[in-house]
Amino acid sequence: MSNISTPELVDLQGQPAVQLQARDGARVTVMLQGAQVVGWTPAGGSERLYVSEQAVYAEGQPVRGGVPVIFPQFEKRGPLQRHGFARNKRWQLLRAEVGRDDALAVLRLEDDAETRAVWPHAFALELTVAVGGSRLDLELEIEHRGGEGAAPFSFMAALHTYLRVREVEEARLKGLQGLRYEDSTRPGSEPQVEFSAALSISGETDRIYFGATRPLVLEEPHRGLVVETQQFPDVVVWNPWEEKCAALPDMPPLGFRRMLCVEAALIGEPVTLAPGEQWWGRQSLLAD
């Protein structure tokens, strides 16, 4: 990529962020807090990520919406705080540049005394965010930085993507048919199989689909969005619906109608890295 300009950090509700605009007008905003993407507008289009109007912007706290980075634990599936600690930490901006075809930022998080106190491993995370045209690419790389003789570590990860919809009951998510899923609204229930060719949302939805290797298509009246992933074998589909949304202090009462989380995830089979080993996974969003 030929460097044309280097974006500066901006203040976003009191938090540092980098705002990138590709030459074709596509834009993305990434906070240093959690390396969280909180805005994406395709070239010639409108905002496609949902961020709550009541979101809290504070050090050590993820914003409600956008794309929080989940690592090294998903939800409460382990001994750490819910969804791990990566989304609660301030990342370092390694570089941000605008090139001929896209704009790109790379952010990094390394272990420190605080993370080692709860998860005693040496690691490095890098999130690469690239925007251009109708496309947003997010690539997460995880490295075991421990020296010879260090214990391996296992992890889960997810890109907790809040997609903006005009009306969630009119949206249809295609590409899940035939997949086994776990319904988190029914703890302890047996896994089920998705029979629907187009998933519709008409109540609280919290599902983990396993082996989701096909592209997904989110269809709405007059527009669509394709979700492609690499090396994220699972996908989470979440909408809190009316009752749970009302109980969230950082969501407006009807916010659930404007969002649907479709999350690239690594949950069912955690990855184990030995010292010196790396893993990467990518999520691509293509707006129509």
C-alpha atoms as a PDB file:
ATOM      1  CA  MET A   1       0.000   0.000   0.000  1.00  0.00           C
ATOM      2  CA  SER A   2       1.413   3.364  -0.965  1.00  0.00           C
ATOM      3  CA  ASN A   3       1.140   5.782   1.920  1.00  0.00           C
ATOM      4  CA  ILE A   4      -0.813   8.923   0.990  1.00  0.00           C
ATOM      5  CA  SER A   5      -1.586  10.336   4.415  1.00  0.00           C
ATOM      6  CA  THR A   6      -1.427   9.285   8.042  1.00  0.00           C
ATOM      7  CA  PRO A   7      -4.612   9.994  10.028  1.00  0.00           C
ATOM      8  CA  GLU A   8      -4.277  11.644  13.420  1.00  0.00           C
ATOM      9  CA  LEU A   9      -5.946  10.539  16.622  1.00  0.00           C
ATOM     10  CA  VAL A  10      -9.205  12.303  17.421  1.00  0.00           C
ATOM     11  CA  ASP A  11     -11.226  12.701  20.607  1.00  0.00           C
ATOM     12  CA  LEU A  12     -14.385  10.584  20.639  1.00  0.00           C
ATOM     13  CA  GLN A  13     -16.521  11.279  23.685  1.00  0.00           C
ATOM     14  CA  GLY A  14     -13.355  11.744  25.735  1.00  0.00           C
ATOM     15  CA  GLN A  15     -11.610   8.648  24.332  1.00  0.00           C
ATOM     16  CA  PRO A  16      -8.834   8.549  21.709  1.00  0.00           C
ATOM     17  CA  ALA A  17      -9.787   7.100  18.345  1.00  0.00           C
ATOM     18  CA  VAL A  18      -8.543   6.970  14.788  1.00  0.00           C
ATOM     19  CA  GLN A  19     -10.878   7.910  11.945  1.00  0.00           C
ATOM     20  CA  LEU A  20      -9.972   6.558   8.519  1.00  0.00           C
ATOM     21  CA  GLN A  21     -11.402   7.620   5.187  1.00  0.00           C
ATOM     22  CA  ALA A  22     -10.461   5.814   2.005  1.00  0.00           C
ATOM     23  CA  ARG A  23     -10.081   7.776  -1.231  1.00  0.00           C
ATOM     24  CA  ASP A  24     -13.506   6.584  -2.379  1.00  0.00           C
ATOM     25  CA  GLY A  25     -15.161   7.984   0.762  1.00  0.00           C
ATOM     26  CA  ALA A  26     -15.555   4.767   2.779  1.00  0.00           C
ATOM     27  CA  ARG A  27     -15.037   5.531   6.482  1.00  0.00           C
ATOM     28  CA  VAL A  28     -14.301   3.660   9.694  1.00  0.00           C
ATOM     29  CA  THR A  29     -13.723   4.788  13.279  1.00  0.00           C
ATOM     30  CA  VAL A  30     -11.646   2.703  15.700  1.00  0.00           C
ATOM     31  CA  MET A  31     -11.194   3.472  19.383  1.00  0.00           C
ATOM     32  CA  LEU A  32      -7.956   2.661  21.183  1.00  0.00           C
ATOM     33  CA  GLN A  33     -10.114   1.459  24.073  1.00  0.00           C
ATOM     34  CA  GLY A  34     -10.593  -2.205  23.223  1.00  0.00           C
ATOM     35  CA  ALA A  35      -9.511  -1.636  19.590  1.00  0.00           C
ATOM     36  CA  GLN A  36     -13.246  -1.291  19.128  1.00  0.00           C
ATOM     37  CA  VAL A  37     -14.635  -0.338  15.742  1.00  0.00           C
ATOM     38  CA  VAL A  38     -17.536   2.027  16.432  1.00  0.00           C
ATOM     39  CA  GLY A  39     -18.440   3.234  12.952  1.00  0.00           C
ATOM     40  CA  TRP A  40     -18.371   1.997   9.357  1.00  0.00           C
ATOM     41  CA  THR A  41     -19.837   3.777   6.362  1.00  0.00           C
ATOM     42  CA  PRO A  42     -19.276   2.174   2.940  1.00  0.00           C
ATOM     43  CA  ALA A  43     -18.473   4.440   0.008  1.00  0.00           C
ATOM     44  CA  GLY A  44     -21.641   6.260  -1.004  1.00  0.00           C
ATOM     45  CA  GLY A  45     -23.636   4.507   1.699  1.00  0.00           C
ATOM     46  CA  SER A  46     -24.917   4.966   5.239  1.00  0.00           C
ATOM     47  CA  GLU A  47     -23.745   3.753   8.643  1.00  0.00           C
ATOM     48  CA  ARG A  48     -23.885  -0.062   8.881  1.00  0.00           C
ATOM     49  CA  LEU A  49     -22.838  -0.664  12.493  1.00  0.00           C
ATOM     50  CA  TYR A  50     -25.110  -0.083  15.457  1.00  0.00           C
ATOM     51  CA  VAL A  51     -23.872   1.940  18.435  1.00  0.00           C
ATOM     52  CA  SER A  52     -26.331   2.728  21.204  1.00  0.00           C
ATOM     53  CA  GLU A  53     -27.290   6.367  21.662  1.00  0.00           C
ATOM     54  CA  GLN A  54     -26.870   5.740  25.404  1.00  0.00           C
ATOM     55  CA  ALA A  55     -23.451   4.084  25.123  1.00  0.00           C
ATOM     56  CA  VAL A  56     -20.921   4.984  27.819  1.00  0.00           C
ATOM     57  CA  TYR A  57     -17.439   6.034  26.675  1.00  0.00           C
ATOM     58  CA  ALA A  58     -15.063   5.356  29.560  1.00  0.00           C
ATOM     59  CA  GLU A  59     -11.603   3.963  30.174  1.00  0.00           C
ATOM     60  CA  GLY A  60     -11.703   0.225  30.799  1.00  0.00           C
ATOM     61  CA  GLN A  61     -15.257  -0.220  29.532  1.00  0.00           C
ATOM     62  CA  PRO A  62     -16.468  -1.428  26.124  1.00  0.00           C
ATOM     63  CA  VAL A  63     -18.949   0.698  24.221  1.00  0.00           C
ATOM     64  CA  ARG A  64     -22.389  -0.809  23.618  1.00  0.00           C
ATOM     65  CA  GLY A  65     -22.240  -1.520  19.909  1.00  0.00           C
ATOM     66  CA  GLY A  66     -19.713  -1.532  17.105  1.00  0.00           C
ATOM     67  CA  VAL A  67     -17.303  -4.474  17.201  1.00  0.00           C
ATOM     68  CA  PRO A  68     -15.872  -5.333  20.637  1.00  0.00           C
ATOM     69  CA  VAL A  69     -12.959  -7.826  20.545  1.00  0.00           C
ATOM     70  CA  ILE A  70     -13.583 -10.892  22.727  1.00  0.00           C
ATOM     71  CA  PHE A  71     -10.478 -12.677  24.120  1.00  0.00           C
ATOM     72  CA  PRO A  72      -9.435 -15.043  25.713  1.00  0.00           C
ATOM     73  CA  GLN A  73     -12.828 -16.219  26.955  1.00  0.00           C
ATOM     74  CA  PHE A  74     -16.328 -16.098  25.506  1.00  0.00           C
ATOM     75  CA  GLU A  75     -19.171 -15.131  27.827  1.00  0.00           C
ATOM     76  CA  LYS A  76     -18.813 -17.020  31.147  1.00  0.00           C
ATOM     77  CA  ARG A  77     -17.200 -20.104  29.620  1.00  0.00           C
ATOM     78  CA  GLY A  78     -14.186 -20.003  31.897  1.00  0.00           C
ATOM     79  CA  PRO A  79     -12.812 -18.447  35.087  1.00  0.00           C
ATOM     80  CA  LEU A  80     -12.279 -14.900  33.790  1.00  0.00           C
ATOM     81  CA  GLN A  81     -14.598 -11.916  33.667  1.00  0.00           C
ATOM     82  CA  ARG A  82     -17.390 -12.170  31.095  1.00  0.00           C
ATOM     83  CA  HIS A  83     -15.960 -12.066  27.558  1.00  0.00           C
ATOM     84  CA  GLY A  84     -12.375 -11.819  28.833  1.00  0.00           C
ATOM     85  CA  PHE A  85     -10.280  -8.687  29.158  1.00  0.00           C
ATOM     86  CA  ALA A  86      -9.234  -7.568  25.655  1.00  0.00           C
ATOM     87  CA  ARG A  87     -12.297  -5.339  25.195  1.00  0.00           C
ATOM     88  CA  ASN A  88     -11.549  -3.589  28.513  1.00  0.00           C
ATOM     89  CA  LYS A  89      -7.922  -2.688  27.768  1.00  0.00           C
ATOM     90  CA  ARG A  90      -6.457   0.263  25.885  1.00  0.00           C
ATOM     91  CA  TRP A  91      -4.600  -0.914  22.781  1.00  0.00           C
ATOM     92  CA  GLN A  92      -1.648   0.727  21.056  1.00  0.00           C
ATOM     93  CA  LEU A  93      -2.056   2.161  17.569  1.00  0.00           C
ATOM     94  CA  LEU A  94       0.884   0.800  15.578  1.00  0.00           C
ATOM     95  CA  ARG A  95       0.046   2.493  12.289  1.00  0.00           C
ATOM     96  CA  ALA A  96      -2.791   4.079  10.361  1.00  0.00           C
ATOM     97  CA  GLU A  97      -2.578   5.060   6.723  1.00  0.00           C
ATOM     98  CA  VAL A  98      -4.605   5.833   3.647  1.00  0.00           C
ATOM     99  CA  GLY A  99      -3.527   4.135   0.455  1.00  0.00           C
ATOM    100  CA  ARG A 100      -4.575   3.890  -3.162  1.00  0.00           C
ATOM    101  CA  ASP A 101      -7.426   1.433  -2.649  1.00  0.00           C
ATOM    102  CA  ASP A 102      -8.254   1.450   1.052  1.00  0.00           C
ATOM    103  CA  ALA A 103      -7.448   2.846   4.482  1.00  0.00           C
ATOM    104  CA  LEU A 104      -5.884   0.704   7.167  1.00  0.00           C
ATOM    105  CA  ALA A 105      -5.116   0.727  10.898  1.00  0.00           C
ATOM    106  CA  VAL A 106      -3.207  -1.806  13.002  1.00  0.00           C
ATOM    107  CA  LEU A 107      -3.660  -1.941  16.779  1.00  0.00           C
ATOM    108  CA  ARG A 108      -1.810  -4.101  19.301  1.00  0.00           C
ATOM    109  CA  LEU A 109      -2.339  -5.368  22.840  1.00  0.00           C
ATOM    110  CA  GLU A 110       0.299  -7.204  24.898  1.00  0.00           C
ATOM    111  CA  ASP A 111       0.143  -8.864  28.278  1.00  0.00           C
ATOM    112  CA  ASP A 112       0.890  -6.739  31.313  1.00  0.00           C
ATOM    113  CA  ALA A 113       0.860  -7.161  35.092  1.00  0.00           C
ATOM    114  CA  GLU A 114      -2.914  -6.749  35.171  1.00  0.00           C
ATOM    115  CA  THR A 115      -3.625  -9.473  32.602  1.00  0.00           C
ATOM    116  CA  ARG A 116      -1.003 -11.840  34.020  1.00  0.00           C
ATOM    117  CA  ALA A 117      -2.619 -11.584  37.451  1.00  0.00           C
ATOM    118  CA  VAL A 118      -5.754 -13.281  36.074  1.00  0.00           C
ATOM    119  CA  TRP A 119      -4.364 -15.153  33.037  1.00  0.00           C
ATOM    120  CA  PRO A 120      -0.657 -15.981  33.472  1.00  0.00           C
ATOM    121  CA  HIS A 121       0.456 -16.044  29.838  1.00  0.00           C
ATOM    122  CA  ALA A 122       2.575 -13.883  27.548  1.00  0.00           C
ATOM    123  CA  PHE A 123       0.573 -12.933  24.464  1.00  0.00           C
ATOM    124  CA  ALA A 124       0.174 -10.315  21.769  1.00  0.00           C
ATOM    125  CA  LEU A 125      -2.995  -9.444  19.879  1.00  0.00           C
ATOM    126  CA  GLU A 126      -3.061  -7.434  16.677  1.00  0.00           C
ATOM    127  CA  LEU A 127      -6.215  -6.194  15.027  1.00  0.00           C
ATOM    128  CA  THR A 128      -5.946  -4.975  11.442  1.00  0.00           C
ATOM    129  CA  VAL A 129      -8.866  -2.869  10.222  1.00  0.00           C
ATOM    130  CA  ALA A 130      -9.145  -2.117   6.499  1.00  0.00           C
ATOM    131  CA  VAL A 131     -11.914  -0.148   4.775  1.00  0.00           C
ATOM    132  CA  GLY A 132     -12.564   0.625   1.128  1.00  0.00           C
ATOM    133  CA  GLY A 133     -15.489   0.614  -1.270  1.00  0.00           C
ATOM    134  CA  SER A 134     -18.327  -1.468   0.157  1.00  0.00           C
ATOM    135  CA  ARG A 135     -16.006  -3.633   2.278  1.00  0.00           C
ATOM    136  CA  LEU A 136     -14.771  -3.723   5.880  1.00  0.00           C
ATOM    137  CA  ASP A 137     -12.115  -6.288   6.824  1.00  0.00           C
ATOM    138  CA  LEU A 138     -11.161  -7.114  10.406  1.00  0.00           C
ATOM    139  CA  GLU A 139      -8.279  -9.501  11.006  1.00  0.00           C
ATOM    140  CA  LEU A 140      -7.323 -10.645  14.504  1.00  0.00           C
ATOM    141  CA  GLU A 141      -3.910 -12.215  15.074  1.00  0.00           C
ATOM    142  CA  ILE A 142      -2.962 -13.909  18.346  1.00  0.00           C
ATOM    143  CA  GLU A 143       0.602 -14.834  19.291  1.00  0.00           C
ATOM    144  CA  HIS A 144       1.998 -16.831  22.205  1.00  0.00           C
ATOM    145  CA  ARG A 145       4.982 -14.733  23.294  1.00  0.00           C
ATOM    146  CA  GLY A 146       6.165 -17.042  26.048  1.00  0.00           C
ATOM    147  CA  GLY A 147       9.747 -18.266  26.056  1.00  0.00           C
ATOM    148  CA  GLU A 148      11.018 -21.818  25.824  1.00  0.00           C
ATOM    149  CA  GLY A 149       9.422 -23.980  28.480  1.00  0.00           C
ATOM    150  CA  ALA A 150       6.374 -21.727  28.926  1.00  0.00           C
ATOM    151  CA  ALA A 151       3.048 -23.501  29.184  1.00  0.00           C
ATOM    152  CA  PRO A 152       0.758 -23.525  26.138  1.00  0.00           C
ATOM    153  CA  PHE A 153      -2.463 -21.540  26.397  1.00  0.00           C
ATOM    154  CA  SER A 154      -5.946 -22.106  25.028  1.00  0.00           C
ATOM    155  CA  PHE A 155      -8.346 -19.340  24.080  1.00  0.00           C
ATOM    156  CA  MET A 156     -11.696 -18.432  22.643  1.00  0.00           C
ATOM    157  CA  ALA A 157     -12.248 -15.310  20.564  1.00  0.00           C
ATOM    158  CA  ALA A 158     -14.983 -13.373  18.803  1.00  0.00           C
ATOM    159  CA  LEU A 159     -15.628 -10.167  16.899  1.00  0.00           C
ATOM    160  CA  HIS A 160     -18.876  -9.123  18.607  1.00  0.00           C
ATOM    161  CA  THR A 161     -20.350  -7.304  15.602  1.00  0.00           C
ATOM    162  CA  TYR A 162     -23.477  -5.175  16.096  1.00  0.00           C
ATOM    163  CA  LEU A 163     -25.034  -4.710  12.663  1.00  0.00           C
ATOM    164  CA  ARG A 164     -27.422  -1.792  12.172  1.00  0.00           C
ATOM    165  CA  VAL A 165     -30.814  -2.740  10.761  1.00  0.00           C
ATOM    166  CA  ARG A 166     -33.759  -0.527   9.912  1.00  0.00           C
ATOM    167  CA  GLU A 167     -36.242  -2.890  11.584  1.00  0.00           C
ATOM    168  CA  VAL A 168     -35.033  -6.202  12.995  1.00  0.00           C
ATOM    169  CA  GLU A 169     -38.337  -7.999  12.369  1.00  0.00           C
ATOM    170  CA  GLU A 170     -37.980  -7.269   8.660  1.00  0.00           C
ATOM    171  CA  ALA A 171     -34.411  -8.645   8.468  1.00  0.00           C
ATOM    172  CA  ARG A 172     -33.595 -12.182   7.369  1.00  0.00           C
ATOM    173  CA  LEU A 173     -30.277 -13.967   7.955  1.00  0.00           C
ATOM    174  CA  LYS A 174     -29.462 -16.627   5.367  1.00  0.00           C
ATOM    175  CA  GLY A 175     -26.710 -19.257   5.383  1.00  0.00           C
ATOM    176  CA  LEU A 176     -27.329 -21.025   8.710  1.00  0.00           C
ATOM    177  CA  GLN A 177     -29.564 -23.830   7.466  1.00  0.00           C
ATOM    178  CA  GLY A 178     -28.374 -27.287   8.531  1.00  0.00           C
ATOM    179  CA  LEU A 179     -26.009 -26.024  11.219  1.00  0.00           C
ATOM    180  CA  ARG A 180     -26.037 -27.285  14.785  1.00  0.00           C
ATOM    181  CA  TYR A 181     -26.614 -24.556  17.342  1.00  0.00           C
ATOM    182  CA  GLU A 182     -26.785 -24.007  21.071  1.00  0.00           C
ATOM    183  CA  ASP A 183     -29.633 -21.851  22.353  1.00  0.00           C
ATOM    184  CA  SER A 184     -28.274 -19.747  25.212  1.00  0.00           C
ATOM    185  CA  THR A 185     -31.772 -18.563  26.130  1.00  0.00           C
ATOM    186  CA  ARG A 186     -32.442 -22.149  27.267  1.00  0.00           C
ATOM    187  CA  PRO A 187     -29.486 -23.098  29.492  1.00  0.00           C
ATOM    188  CA  GLY A 188     -28.881 -26.822  29.642  1.00  0.00           C
ATOM    189  CA  SER A 189     -31.000 -27.600  26.586  1.00  0.00           C
ATOM    190  CA  GLU A 190     -29.742 -30.009  23.962  1.00  0.00           C
ATOM    191  CA  PRO A 191     -28.144 -28.599  20.776  1.00  0.00           C
ATOM    192  CA  GLN A 192     -30.560 -28.166  17.893  1.00  0.00           C
ATOM    193  CA  VAL A 193     -30.324 -28.008  14.104  1.00  0.00           C
ATOM    194  CA  GLU A 194     -31.336 -24.916  12.140  1.00  0.00           C
ATOM    195  CA  PHE A 195     -33.980 -25.903   9.600  1.00  0.00           C
ATOM    196  CA  SER A 196     -34.860 -22.430   8.383  1.00  0.00           C
ATOM    197  CA  ALA A 197     -33.317 -21.157   5.157  1.00  0.00           C
ATOM    198  CA  ALA A 198     -33.779 -17.590   6.412  1.00  0.00           C
ATOM    199  CA  LEU A 199     -33.643 -16.889  10.139  1.00  0.00           C
ATOM    200  CA  SER A 200     -36.088 -14.215  11.291  1.00  0.00           C
ATOM    201  CA  ILE A 201     -36.003 -12.473  14.668  1.00  0.00           C
ATOM    202  CA  SER A 202     -39.270 -12.175  16.589  1.00  0.00           C
ATOM    203  CA  GLY A 203     -38.093 -12.539  20.177  1.00  0.00           C
ATOM    204  CA  GLU A 204     -34.986 -12.819  22.333  1.00  0.00           C
ATOM    205  CA  THR A 205     -32.303 -14.629  20.325  1.00  0.00           C
ATOM    206  CA  ASP A 206     -28.951 -15.844  21.632  1.00  0.00           C
ATOM    207  CA  ARG A 207     -27.503 -18.706  19.615  1.00  0.00           C
ATOM    208  CA  ILE A 208     -24.067 -20.137  18.881  1.00  0.00           C
ATOM    209  CA  TYR A 209     -23.943 -21.865  15.489  1.00  0.00           C
ATOM    210  CA  PHE A 210     -21.068 -24.296  15.028  1.00  0.00           C
ATOM    211  CA  GLY A 211     -19.208 -25.005  11.809  1.00  0.00           C
ATOM    212  CA  ALA A 212     -20.493 -21.871  10.095  1.00  0.00           C
ATOM    213  CA  THR A 213     -18.064 -21.798   7.168  1.00  0.00           C
ATOM    214  CA  ARG A 214     -20.446 -20.502   4.475  1.00  0.00           C
ATOM    215  CA  PRO A 215     -20.964 -16.786   3.849  1.00  0.00           C
ATOM    216  CA  LEU A 216     -24.013 -15.350   5.592  1.00  0.00           C
ATOM    217  CA  VAL A 217     -26.380 -12.873   3.974  1.00  0.00           C
ATOM    218  CA  LEU A 218     -28.368 -10.364   6.016  1.00  0.00           C
ATOM    219  CA  GLU A 219     -31.269  -9.269   3.855  1.00  0.00           C
ATOM    220  CA  GLU A 220     -33.449  -6.228   4.488  1.00  0.00           C
ATOM    221  CA  PRO A 221     -35.940  -4.452   2.245  1.00  0.00           C
ATOM    222  CA  HIS A 222     -33.896  -2.593  -0.396  1.00  0.00           C
ATOM    223  CA  ARG A 223     -30.448  -3.543   0.944  1.00  0.00           C
ATOM    224  CA  GLY A 224     -28.269  -6.427   2.073  1.00  0.00           C
ATOM    225  CA  LEU A 225     -24.974  -7.305   3.710  1.00  0.00           C
ATOM    226  CA  VAL A 226     -22.683 -10.323   3.305  1.00  0.00           C
ATOM    227  CA  VAL A 227     -20.635 -11.666   6.229  1.00  0.00           C
ATOM    228  CA  GLU A 228     -17.614 -13.786   5.314  1.00  0.00           C
ATOM    229  CA  THR A 229     -15.143 -15.315   7.747  1.00  0.00           C
ATOM    230  CA  GLN A 230     -11.880 -17.211   7.706  1.00  0.00           C
ATOM    231  CA  GLN A 231     -10.727 -19.397  10.602  1.00  0.00           C
ATOM    232  CA  PHE A 232     -13.635 -18.322  12.796  1.00  0.00           C
ATOM    233  CA  PRO A 233     -15.596 -21.592  12.695  1.00  0.00           C
ATOM    234  CA  ASP A 234     -18.623 -20.430  14.698  1.00  0.00           C
ATOM    235  CA  VAL A 235     -21.106 -17.571  14.581  1.00  0.00           C
ATOM    236  CA  VAL A 236     -23.166 -15.994  17.345  1.00  0.00           C
ATOM    237  CA  VAL A 237     -26.556 -14.449  16.571  1.00  0.00           C
ATOM    238  CA  TRP A 238     -27.900 -12.189  19.331  1.00  0.00           C
ATOM    239  CA  ASN A 239     -30.719  -9.785  19.929  1.00  0.00           C
ATOM    240  CA  PRO A 240     -31.835  -9.015  23.509  1.00  0.00           C
ATOM    241  CA  TRP A 241     -35.420  -8.164  22.542  1.00  0.00           C
ATOM    242  CA  GLU A 242     -37.676  -5.902  24.544  1.00  0.00           C
ATOM    243  CA  GLU A 243     -37.391  -7.092  28.156  1.00  0.00           C
ATOM    244  CA  LYS A 244     -33.617  -7.567  28.302  1.00  0.00           C
ATOM    245  CA  CYS A 245     -32.993  -4.429  26.258  1.00  0.00           C
ATOM    246  CA  ALA A 246     -34.991  -2.385  28.773  1.00  0.00           C
ATOM    247  CA  ALA A 247     -32.788  -3.756  31.556  1.00  0.00           C
ATOM    248  CA  LEU A 248     -29.572  -2.578  29.876  1.00  0.00           C
ATOM    249  CA  PRO A 249     -28.680   0.897  31.182  1.00  0.00           C
ATOM    250  CA  ASP A 250     -26.677   1.756  28.054  1.00  0.00           C
ATOM    251  CA  MET A 251     -29.429   0.865  25.564  1.00  0.00           C
ATOM    252  CA  PRO A 252     -32.567   2.848  24.676  1.00  0.00           C
ATOM    253  CA  PRO A 253     -35.793   0.886  25.261  1.00  0.00           C
ATOM    254  CA  LEU A 254     -36.351   0.242  21.556  1.00  0.00           C
ATOM    255  CA  GLY A 255     -32.687  -0.129  20.618  1.00  0.00           C
ATOM    256  CA  PHE A 256     -33.157  -3.852  20.008  1.00  0.00           C
ATOM    257  CA  ARG A 257     -35.183  -3.008  16.904  1.00  0.00           C
ATOM    258  CA  ARG A 258     -32.196  -1.315  15.264  1.00  0.00           C
ATOM    259  CA  MET A 259     -29.538  -4.005  15.757  1.00  0.00           C
ATOM    260  CA  LEU A 260     -28.639  -7.625  15.206  1.00  0.00           C
ATOM    261  CA  CYS A 261     -25.358  -9.089  16.386  1.00  0.00           C
ATOM    262  CA  VAL A 262     -23.781 -11.502  13.898  1.00  0.00           C
ATOM    263  CA  GLU A 263     -20.453 -12.385  15.459  1.00  0.00           C
ATOM    264  CA  ALA A 264     -17.498 -14.234  13.941  1.00  0.00           C
ATOM    265  CA  ALA A 265     -16.489 -16.574  16.756  1.00  0.00           C
ATOM    266  CA  LEU A 266     -14.174 -19.310  17.948  1.00  0.00           C
ATOM    267  CA  ILE A 267     -16.022 -21.015  20.802  1.00  0.00           C
ATOM    268  CA  GLY A 268     -16.816 -24.693  20.286  1.00  0.00           C
ATOM    269  CA  GLU A 269     -13.224 -25.865  19.964  1.00  0.00           C
ATOM    270  CA  PRO A 270     -10.766 -23.458  21.634  1.00  0.00           C
ATOM    271  CA  VAL A 271      -7.370 -23.107  19.971  1.00  0.00           C
ATOM    272  CA  THR A 272      -4.195 -24.028  21.867  1.00  0.00           C
ATOM    273  CA  LEU A 273      -0.944 -22.241  21.082  1.00  0.00           C
ATOM    274  CA  ALA A 274       2.536 -23.305  22.171  1.00  0.00           C
ATOM    275  CA  PRO A 275       5.259 -20.680  22.720  1.00  0.00           C
ATOM    276  CA  GLY A 276       6.072 -18.967  19.429  1.00  0.00           C
ATOM    277  CA  GLU A 277       2.899 -20.110  17.662  1.00  0.00           C
ATOM    278  CA  GLN A 278       0.299 -17.800  16.099  1.00  0.00           C
ATOM    279  CA  TRP A 279      -3.339 -17.930  15.022  1.00  0.00           C
ATOM    280  CA  TRP A 280      -5.368 -15.535  12.925  1.00  0.00           C
ATOM    281  CA  GLY A 281      -9.000 -15.120  11.943  1.00  0.00           C
ATOM    282  CA  ARG A 282     -10.775 -12.670   9.656  1.00  0.00           C
ATOM    283  CA  GLN A 283     -14.261 -11.251   9.295  1.00  0.00           C
ATOM    284  CA  SER A 284     -15.279  -9.348   6.159  1.00  0.00           C
ATOM    285  CA  LEU A 285     -18.452  -7.307   5.782  1.00  0.00           C
ATOM    286  CA  LEU A 286     -19.634  -6.424   2.269  1.00  0.00           C
ATOM    287  CA  ALA A 287     -22.483  -3.945   1.988  1.00  0.00           C
ATOM    288  CA  ASP A 288     -24.994  -4.076  -0.839  1.00  0.00           C
END
